[in-house]
Amino acid sequence: MPLTSLYCGACGQKQAERFGSSHLRKEAWEKIRWFEGDMLKATLKVALRPGTVAREFVLGKRQSHTHPLKLLLAAIVLLLIVIAQTDYLGSSDQTLSKAIELVQAYSKWSFSLGIVAILIASNVTFWSRGGFNVVEHLVLATYTHFVIICANIINLSPLLIRSSPELVQQHRHYTGIYMDWVEAGIVFLSFGQFFAIDWKRQWWWPAIGAAIFYMTKEGLLYLYARAVIRIVLAQLT
């Protein structure tokens, strides 16, 4: 039925023009701009207050916060892109490069190790505090791990500007010195905010949680590395 006015009398939709390339570009740009703006705002909010956002989310204030899995998946994708662009896991040795390719193939699930370590640390340290269940602890772990991945992306970003095998080697060396402290600090802050810690009197509770996180993550990485090494050696022989 042809429209006799600017709006349809049946559904109320405004009269639309035929699609053209300009319309497609405009709509695509609007979607991308909205997605990037929404993700950037959510990232800044969570980066500054990971534990507070997680606490508000589990207590029901969810419309004003982005779902933690959405943030985490976006961060993982970006981290993988940065690693690929900087050739952070590359090597000039052909045999070693083949081994690294196999390690990458078997390590797609390795991003979950950080979440598991945070989840174990929060449950061990704060199980009786606040009455939060395992799923709510998992929400905390997801938001916290998102911030940790963002910190690793920022840490790798200088290599996007200038990268060489020598610079990558130096970066790996220095990263091993300070990034453990950065990650433990993020966990410390997140635990304190989520469990509403009195920083003057109870700061040592999130400190214990951060220490348990560090030890648990190191243990998980050790077990993971041993398992992957066995698989890779079997593939190379």
C-alpha atoms as a PDB file:
ATOM      1  CA  MET A   1       0.000   0.000   0.000  1.00  0.00           C
ATOM      2  CA  PRO A   2       1.530   3.388  -0.965  1.00  0.00           C
ATOM      3  CA  LEU A   3       2.103   5.850   1.862  1.00  0.00           C
ATOM      4  CA  THR A   4       0.053   9.046   1.812  1.00  0.00           C
ATOM      5  CA  SER A   5       1.968  10.747   4.620  1.00  0.00           C
ATOM      6  CA  LEU A   6       5.424  10.788   6.231  1.00  0.00           C
ATOM      7  CA  TYR A   7       4.437   7.973   8.660  1.00  0.00           C
ATOM      8  CA  CYS A   8       2.706   4.631   8.051  1.00  0.00           C
ATOM      9  CA  GLY A   9      -0.853   4.549   9.364  1.00  0.00           C
ATOM     10  CA  ALA A  10      -0.580   0.827  10.198  1.00  0.00           C
ATOM     11  CA  CYS A  11       2.700   0.581  12.110  1.00  0.00           C
ATOM     12  CA  GLY A  12       3.753   4.198  12.653  1.00  0.00           C
ATOM     13  CA  GLN A  13       7.159   3.758  10.999  1.00  0.00           C
ATOM     14  CA  LYS A  14       8.627   6.797   9.314  1.00  0.00           C
ATOM     15  CA  GLN A  15       8.799   6.530   5.551  1.00  0.00           C
ATOM     16  CA  ALA A  16      12.169   5.068   4.585  1.00  0.00           C
ATOM     17  CA  GLU A  17      14.216   5.743   1.504  1.00  0.00           C
ATOM     18  CA  ARG A  18      15.601   2.999  -0.710  1.00  0.00           C
ATOM     19  CA  PHE A  19      18.928   1.626   0.448  1.00  0.00           C
ATOM     20  CA  GLY A  20      22.068   2.965  -1.147  1.00  0.00           C
ATOM     21  CA  SER A  21      25.775   2.746  -0.410  1.00  0.00           C
ATOM     22  CA  SER A  22      25.665   6.019   1.554  1.00  0.00           C
ATOM     23  CA  HIS A  23      22.923   4.656   3.840  1.00  0.00           C
ATOM     24  CA  LEU A  24      24.891   1.457   4.436  1.00  0.00           C
ATOM     25  CA  ARG A  25      28.058   3.358   5.301  1.00  0.00           C
ATOM     26  CA  LYS A  26      26.173   5.690   7.628  1.00  0.00           C
ATOM     27  CA  GLU A  27      24.423   2.889   9.516  1.00  0.00           C
ATOM     28  CA  ALA A  28      27.620   0.840   9.787  1.00  0.00           C
ATOM     29  CA  TRP A  29      29.504   3.861  11.138  1.00  0.00           C
ATOM     30  CA  GLU A  30      26.775   4.585  13.674  1.00  0.00           C
ATOM     31  CA  LYS A  31      26.857   0.989  14.936  1.00  0.00           C
ATOM     32  CA  ILE A  32      30.648   0.937  15.175  1.00  0.00           C
ATOM     33  CA  ARG A  33      30.764   4.331  16.884  1.00  0.00           C
ATOM     34  CA  TRP A  34      28.118   3.271  19.407  1.00  0.00           C
ATOM     35  CA  PHE A  35      29.902  -0.033  20.113  1.00  0.00           C
ATOM     36  CA  GLU A  36      33.323   1.601  20.554  1.00  0.00           C
ATOM     37  CA  GLY A  37      31.918   4.395  22.701  1.00  0.00           C
ATOM     38  CA  ASP A  38      29.987   1.976  24.887  1.00  0.00           C
ATOM     39  CA  MET A  39      32.982  -0.330  25.296  1.00  0.00           C
ATOM     40  CA  LEU A  40      35.346   2.546  26.057  1.00  0.00           C
ATOM     41  CA  LYS A  41      33.064   3.950  28.763  1.00  0.00           C
ATOM     42  CA  ALA A  42      32.576   0.488  30.269  1.00  0.00           C
ATOM     43  CA  THR A  43      36.327  -0.193  30.182  1.00  0.00           C
ATOM     44  CA  LEU A  44      37.172   3.034  31.999  1.00  0.00           C
ATOM     45  CA  LYS A  45      34.470   2.422  34.594  1.00  0.00           C
ATOM     46  CA  VAL A  46      35.601  -1.141  35.303  1.00  0.00           C
ATOM     47  CA  ALA A  47      39.316  -0.278  35.199  1.00  0.00           C
ATOM     48  CA  LEU A  48      38.891   2.297  37.969  1.00  0.00           C
ATOM     49  CA  ARG A  49      36.397   0.323  40.082  1.00  0.00           C
ATOM     50  CA  PRO A  50      36.431  -3.372  39.123  1.00  0.00           C
ATOM     51  CA  GLY A  51      35.245  -4.614  42.500  1.00  0.00           C
ATOM     52  CA  THR A  52      32.602  -1.915  42.867  1.00  0.00           C
ATOM     53  CA  VAL A  53      31.150  -2.629  39.412  1.00  0.00           C
ATOM     54  CA  ALA A  54      31.122  -6.359  40.155  1.00  0.00           C
ATOM     55  CA  ARG A  55      29.399  -5.788  43.506  1.00  0.00           C
ATOM     56  CA  GLU A  56      26.729  -3.549  41.973  1.00  0.00           C
ATOM     57  CA  PHE A  57      26.191  -6.044  39.153  1.00  0.00           C
ATOM     58  CA  VAL A  58      25.597  -9.035  41.440  1.00  0.00           C
ATOM     59  CA  LEU A  59      23.370  -6.966  43.747  1.00  0.00           C
ATOM     60  CA  GLY A  60      21.035  -6.161  40.858  1.00  0.00           C
ATOM     61  CA  LYS A  61      22.262  -2.911  39.316  1.00  0.00           C
ATOM     62  CA  ARG A  62      22.820  -4.378  35.847  1.00  0.00           C
ATOM     63  CA  GLN A  63      21.327  -1.938  33.363  1.00  0.00           C
ATOM     64  CA  SER A  64      24.106   0.583  33.969  1.00  0.00           C
ATOM     65  CA  HIS A  65      26.943  -1.960  33.600  1.00  0.00           C
ATOM     66  CA  THR A  66      28.164  -3.967  30.609  1.00  0.00           C
ATOM     67  CA  HIS A  67      28.003  -7.742  31.038  1.00  0.00           C
ATOM     68  CA  PRO A  68      31.393  -9.057  32.236  1.00  0.00           C
ATOM     69  CA  LEU A  69      31.591 -11.795  29.580  1.00  0.00           C
ATOM     70  CA  LYS A  70      31.103  -9.252  26.803  1.00  0.00           C
ATOM     71  CA  LEU A  71      33.991  -7.185  28.130  1.00  0.00           C
ATOM     72  CA  LEU A  72      36.224 -10.204  28.701  1.00  0.00           C
ATOM     73  CA  LEU A  73      35.716 -11.649  25.213  1.00  0.00           C
ATOM     74  CA  ALA A  74      36.418  -8.275  23.607  1.00  0.00           C
ATOM     75  CA  ALA A  75      39.626  -7.924  25.652  1.00  0.00           C
ATOM     76  CA  ILE A  76      40.796 -11.433  24.747  1.00  0.00           C
ATOM     77  CA  VAL A  77      40.263 -10.773  21.032  1.00  0.00           C
ATOM     78  CA  LEU A  78      42.186  -7.492  21.258  1.00  0.00           C
ATOM     79  CA  LEU A  79      45.012  -9.128  23.205  1.00  0.00           C
ATOM     80  CA  LEU A  80      45.344 -11.862  20.573  1.00  0.00           C
ATOM     81  CA  ILE A  81      45.506  -9.227  17.848  1.00  0.00           C
ATOM     82  CA  VAL A  82      48.219  -7.299  19.705  1.00  0.00           C
ATOM     83  CA  ILE A  83      50.239 -10.473  20.301  1.00  0.00           C
ATOM     84  CA  ALA A  84      49.979 -11.368  16.603  1.00  0.00           C
ATOM     85  CA  GLN A  85      50.905  -7.859  15.447  1.00  0.00           C
ATOM     86  CA  THR A  86      53.961  -7.658  17.695  1.00  0.00           C
ATOM     87  CA  ASP A  87      55.021 -11.271  16.984  1.00  0.00           C
ATOM     88  CA  TYR A  88      55.438 -11.586  20.740  1.00  0.00           C
ATOM     89  CA  LEU A  89      55.619 -15.377  20.618  1.00  0.00           C
ATOM     90  CA  GLY A  90      57.683 -15.590  17.454  1.00  0.00           C
ATOM     91  CA  SER A  91      61.142 -17.016  17.022  1.00  0.00           C
ATOM     92  CA  SER A  92      63.768 -17.171  14.278  1.00  0.00           C
ATOM     93  CA  ASP A  93      64.491 -20.809  15.120  1.00  0.00           C
ATOM     94  CA  GLN A  94      62.361 -22.997  12.832  1.00  0.00           C
ATOM     95  CA  THR A  95      62.102 -25.902  15.254  1.00  0.00           C
ATOM     96  CA  LEU A  96      61.212 -23.568  18.100  1.00  0.00           C
ATOM     97  CA  SER A  97      58.711 -21.730  15.910  1.00  0.00           C
ATOM     98  CA  LYS A  98      56.966 -25.001  15.163  1.00  0.00           C
ATOM     99  CA  ALA A  99      56.841 -25.788  18.866  1.00  0.00           C
ATOM    100  CA  ILE A 100      55.418 -22.340  19.595  1.00  0.00           C
ATOM    101  CA  GLU A 101      52.728 -22.870  16.948  1.00  0.00           C
ATOM    102  CA  LEU A 102      51.757 -26.107  18.694  1.00  0.00           C
ATOM    103  CA  VAL A 103      51.731 -24.369  22.078  1.00  0.00           C
ATOM    104  CA  GLN A 104      49.424 -21.692  20.699  1.00  0.00           C
ATOM    105  CA  ALA A 105      47.135 -24.349  19.275  1.00  0.00           C
ATOM    106  CA  TYR A 106      46.810 -26.030  22.673  1.00  0.00           C
ATOM    107  CA  SER A 107      46.593 -22.823  24.701  1.00  0.00           C
ATOM    108  CA  LYS A 108      43.368 -21.261  23.405  1.00  0.00           C
ATOM    109  CA  TRP A 109      41.741 -22.015  26.770  1.00  0.00           C
ATOM    110  CA  SER A 110      44.660 -20.664  28.806  1.00  0.00           C
ATOM    111  CA  PHE A 111      42.962 -17.284  29.336  1.00  0.00           C
ATOM    112  CA  SER A 112      40.695 -19.030  31.824  1.00  0.00           C
ATOM    113  CA  LEU A 113      43.619 -19.685  34.175  1.00  0.00           C
ATOM    114  CA  GLY A 114      43.535 -16.157  35.524  1.00  0.00           C
ATOM    115  CA  ILE A 115      39.811 -16.366  36.213  1.00  0.00           C
ATOM    116  CA  VAL A 116      40.258 -19.699  37.979  1.00  0.00           C
ATOM    117  CA  ALA A 117      43.055 -18.260  40.142  1.00  0.00           C
ATOM    118  CA  ILE A 118      40.948 -15.217  41.085  1.00  0.00           C
ATOM    119  CA  LEU A 119      37.916 -17.402  41.764  1.00  0.00           C
ATOM    120  CA  ILE A 120      39.889 -19.715  44.059  1.00  0.00           C
ATOM    121  CA  ALA A 121      41.512 -16.786  45.881  1.00  0.00           C
ATOM    122  CA  SER A 122      38.222 -14.969  46.496  1.00  0.00           C
ATOM    123  CA  ASN A 123      36.468 -18.111  47.717  1.00  0.00           C
ATOM    124  CA  VAL A 124      39.314 -19.176  50.002  1.00  0.00           C
ATOM    125  CA  THR A 125      39.775 -15.706  51.494  1.00  0.00           C
ATOM    126  CA  PHE A 126      36.215 -14.344  51.596  1.00  0.00           C
ATOM    127  CA  TRP A 127      33.917 -17.373  51.553  1.00  0.00           C
ATOM    128  CA  SER A 128      32.129 -16.380  54.761  1.00  0.00           C
ATOM    129  CA  ARG A 129      32.038 -12.641  54.048  1.00  0.00           C
ATOM    130  CA  GLY A 130      28.964 -11.042  52.471  1.00  0.00           C
ATOM    131  CA  GLY A 131      27.112 -14.248  51.706  1.00  0.00           C
ATOM    132  CA  PHE A 132      28.119 -14.280  48.031  1.00  0.00           C
ATOM    133  CA  ASN A 133      27.736 -17.569  46.157  1.00  0.00           C
ATOM    134  CA  VAL A 134      30.124 -19.159  43.660  1.00  0.00           C
ATOM    135  CA  VAL A 135      28.489 -17.568  40.606  1.00  0.00           C
ATOM    136  CA  GLU A 136      28.770 -14.121  42.203  1.00  0.00           C
ATOM    137  CA  HIS A 137      32.427 -14.787  42.957  1.00  0.00           C
ATOM    138  CA  LEU A 138      32.764 -15.741  39.281  1.00  0.00           C
ATOM    139  CA  VAL A 139      31.337 -12.369  38.222  1.00  0.00           C
ATOM    140  CA  LEU A 140      34.001 -10.703  40.362  1.00  0.00           C
ATOM    141  CA  ALA A 141      36.686 -12.911  38.814  1.00  0.00           C
ATOM    142  CA  THR A 142      35.520 -12.071  35.281  1.00  0.00           C
ATOM    143  CA  TYR A 143      35.550  -8.302  35.785  1.00  0.00           C
ATOM    144  CA  THR A 144      38.911  -8.496  37.550  1.00  0.00           C
ATOM    145  CA  HIS A 145      40.458 -10.664  34.860  1.00  0.00           C
ATOM    146  CA  PHE A 146      39.185  -8.233  32.233  1.00  0.00           C
ATOM    147  CA  VAL A 147      41.169  -5.446  33.898  1.00  0.00           C
ATOM    148  CA  ILE A 148      44.239  -7.704  34.084  1.00  0.00           C
ATOM    149  CA  ILE A 149      44.018  -8.416  30.349  1.00  0.00           C
ATOM    150  CA  CYS A 150      43.637  -4.685  29.646  1.00  0.00           C
ATOM    151  CA  ALA A 151      46.787  -4.075  31.692  1.00  0.00           C
ATOM    152  CA  ASN A 152      48.632  -6.644  29.590  1.00  0.00           C
ATOM    153  CA  ILE A 153      47.393  -4.999  26.384  1.00  0.00           C
ATOM    154  CA  ILE A 154      48.700  -1.633  27.584  1.00  0.00           C
ATOM    155  CA  ASN A 155      51.966  -3.304  28.555  1.00  0.00           C
ATOM    156  CA  LEU A 156      52.378  -4.698  25.025  1.00  0.00           C
ATOM    157  CA  SER A 157      51.211  -1.589  23.174  1.00  0.00           C
ATOM    158  CA  PRO A 158      54.668   0.095  22.876  1.00  0.00           C
ATOM    159  CA  LEU A 159      55.733  -2.851  20.694  1.00  0.00           C
ATOM    160  CA  LEU A 160      53.030  -1.902  18.201  1.00  0.00           C
ATOM    161  CA  ILE A 161      54.997   1.264  17.457  1.00  0.00           C
ATOM    162  CA  ARG A 162      58.396  -0.352  17.264  1.00  0.00           C
ATOM    163  CA  SER A 163      59.143  -4.049  17.441  1.00  0.00           C
ATOM    164  CA  SER A 164      62.139  -6.250  16.805  1.00  0.00           C
ATOM    165  CA  PRO A 165      63.323  -9.608  18.185  1.00  0.00           C
ATOM    166  CA  GLU A 166      65.755  -7.779  20.484  1.00  0.00           C
ATOM    167  CA  LEU A 167      63.103  -5.385  21.812  1.00  0.00           C
ATOM    168  CA  VAL A 168      60.648  -8.235  22.320  1.00  0.00           C
ATOM    169  CA  GLN A 169      63.276 -10.163  24.281  1.00  0.00           C
ATOM    170  CA  GLN A 170      63.974  -7.146  26.504  1.00  0.00           C
ATOM    171  CA  HIS A 171      60.262  -6.560  26.978  1.00  0.00           C
ATOM    172  CA  ARG A 172      59.734 -10.157  28.098  1.00  0.00           C
ATOM    173  CA  HIS A 173      62.537  -9.777  30.638  1.00  0.00           C
ATOM    174  CA  TYR A 174      61.215  -6.584  32.215  1.00  0.00           C
ATOM    175  CA  THR A 175      57.595  -7.736  32.036  1.00  0.00           C
ATOM    176  CA  GLY A 176      58.465 -10.711  34.188  1.00  0.00           C
ATOM    177  CA  ILE A 177      59.706  -8.305  36.872  1.00  0.00           C
ATOM    178  CA  TYR A 178      56.738  -5.965  37.278  1.00  0.00           C
ATOM    179  CA  MET A 179      53.584  -7.468  35.714  1.00  0.00           C
ATOM    180  CA  ASP A 180      53.050  -9.954  38.552  1.00  0.00           C
ATOM    181  CA  TRP A 181      52.934  -7.000  40.946  1.00  0.00           C
ATOM    182  CA  VAL A 182      50.539  -5.127  38.663  1.00  0.00           C
ATOM    183  CA  GLU A 183      48.166  -8.105  38.444  1.00  0.00           C
ATOM    184  CA  ALA A 184      48.315  -8.731  42.197  1.00  0.00           C
ATOM    185  CA  GLY A 185      47.595  -5.031  42.775  1.00  0.00           C
ATOM    186  CA  ILE A 186      44.512  -5.216  40.540  1.00  0.00           C
ATOM    187  CA  VAL A 187      43.260  -8.238  42.483  1.00  0.00           C
ATOM    188  CA  PHE A 188      43.977  -6.471  45.790  1.00  0.00           C
ATOM    189  CA  LEU A 189      41.951  -3.408  44.729  1.00  0.00           C
ATOM    190  CA  SER A 190      39.113  -5.468  43.278  1.00  0.00           C
ATOM    191  CA  PHE A 191      38.743  -7.656  46.377  1.00  0.00           C
ATOM    192  CA  GLY A 192      38.755  -4.645  48.672  1.00  0.00           C
ATOM    193  CA  GLN A 193      36.029  -2.899  46.674  1.00  0.00           C
ATOM    194  CA  PHE A 194      33.827  -5.947  46.143  1.00  0.00           C
ATOM    195  CA  PHE A 195      33.819  -7.055  49.775  1.00  0.00           C
ATOM    196  CA  ALA A 196      33.534  -3.474  51.113  1.00  0.00           C
ATOM    197  CA  ILE A 197      36.785  -3.677  53.060  1.00  0.00           C
ATOM    198  CA  ASP A 198      37.686  -1.052  55.647  1.00  0.00           C
ATOM    199  CA  TRP A 199      41.074  -0.143  54.166  1.00  0.00           C
ATOM    200  CA  LYS A 200      42.513   1.172  57.415  1.00  0.00           C
ATOM    201  CA  ARG A 201      41.585  -1.793  59.594  1.00  0.00           C
ATOM    202  CA  GLN A 202      41.202  -4.755  57.213  1.00  0.00           C
ATOM    203  CA  TRP A 203      43.594  -4.066  54.317  1.00  0.00           C
ATOM    204  CA  TRP A 204      45.371  -7.325  55.024  1.00  0.00           C
ATOM    205  CA  TRP A 205      42.349  -9.395  53.914  1.00  0.00           C
ATOM    206  CA  PRO A 206      42.598  -8.356  50.240  1.00  0.00           C
ATOM    207  CA  ALA A 207      46.385  -8.597  50.604  1.00  0.00           C
ATOM    208  CA  ILE A 208      46.007 -12.252  51.604  1.00  0.00           C
ATOM    209  CA  GLY A 209      43.627 -12.741  48.682  1.00  0.00           C
ATOM    210  CA  ALA A 210      46.137 -11.208  46.255  1.00  0.00           C
ATOM    211  CA  ALA A 211      48.897 -13.469  47.608  1.00  0.00           C
ATOM    212  CA  ILE A 212      46.691 -16.554  47.208  1.00  0.00           C
ATOM    213  CA  PHE A 213      45.866 -15.420  43.667  1.00  0.00           C
ATOM    214  CA  TYR A 214      49.558 -15.139  42.802  1.00  0.00           C
ATOM    215  CA  MET A 215      50.455 -18.557  44.226  1.00  0.00           C
ATOM    216  CA  THR A 216      47.432 -20.222  42.626  1.00  0.00           C
ATOM    217  CA  LYS A 217      48.127 -18.697  39.218  1.00  0.00           C
ATOM    218  CA  GLU A 218      51.780 -19.734  39.349  1.00  0.00           C
ATOM    219  CA  GLY A 219      50.747 -23.269  40.270  1.00  0.00           C
ATOM    220  CA  LEU A 220      48.177 -23.453  37.475  1.00  0.00           C
ATOM    221  CA  LEU A 221      50.663 -22.102  34.938  1.00  0.00           C
ATOM    222  CA  TYR A 222      53.240 -24.652  36.061  1.00  0.00           C
ATOM    223  CA  LEU A 223      50.814 -27.531  35.652  1.00  0.00           C
ATOM    224  CA  TYR A 224      49.587 -26.148  32.347  1.00  0.00           C
ATOM    225  CA  ALA A 225      53.140 -25.739  31.034  1.00  0.00           C
ATOM    226  CA  ARG A 226      54.059 -29.302  31.979  1.00  0.00           C
ATOM    227  CA  ALA A 227      50.973 -30.661  30.220  1.00  0.00           C
ATOM    228  CA  VAL A 228      51.571 -28.593  27.069  1.00  0.00           C
ATOM    229  CA  ILE A 229      55.270 -29.497  26.942  1.00  0.00           C
ATOM    230  CA  ARG A 230      54.396 -33.194  26.994  1.00  0.00           C
ATOM    231  CA  ILE A 231      51.858 -32.734  24.214  1.00  0.00           C
ATOM    232  CA  VAL A 232      54.226 -30.629  22.092  1.00  0.00           C
ATOM    233  CA  LEU A 233      57.131 -33.052  22.513  1.00  0.00           C
ATOM    234  CA  ALA A 234      54.870 -35.888  21.447  1.00  0.00           C
ATOM    235  CA  GLN A 235      53.846 -33.927  18.344  1.00  0.00           C
ATOM    236  CA  LEU A 236      57.432 -32.998  17.418  1.00  0.00           C
ATOM    237  CA  THR A 237      58.824 -36.538  17.658  1.00  0.00           C
END
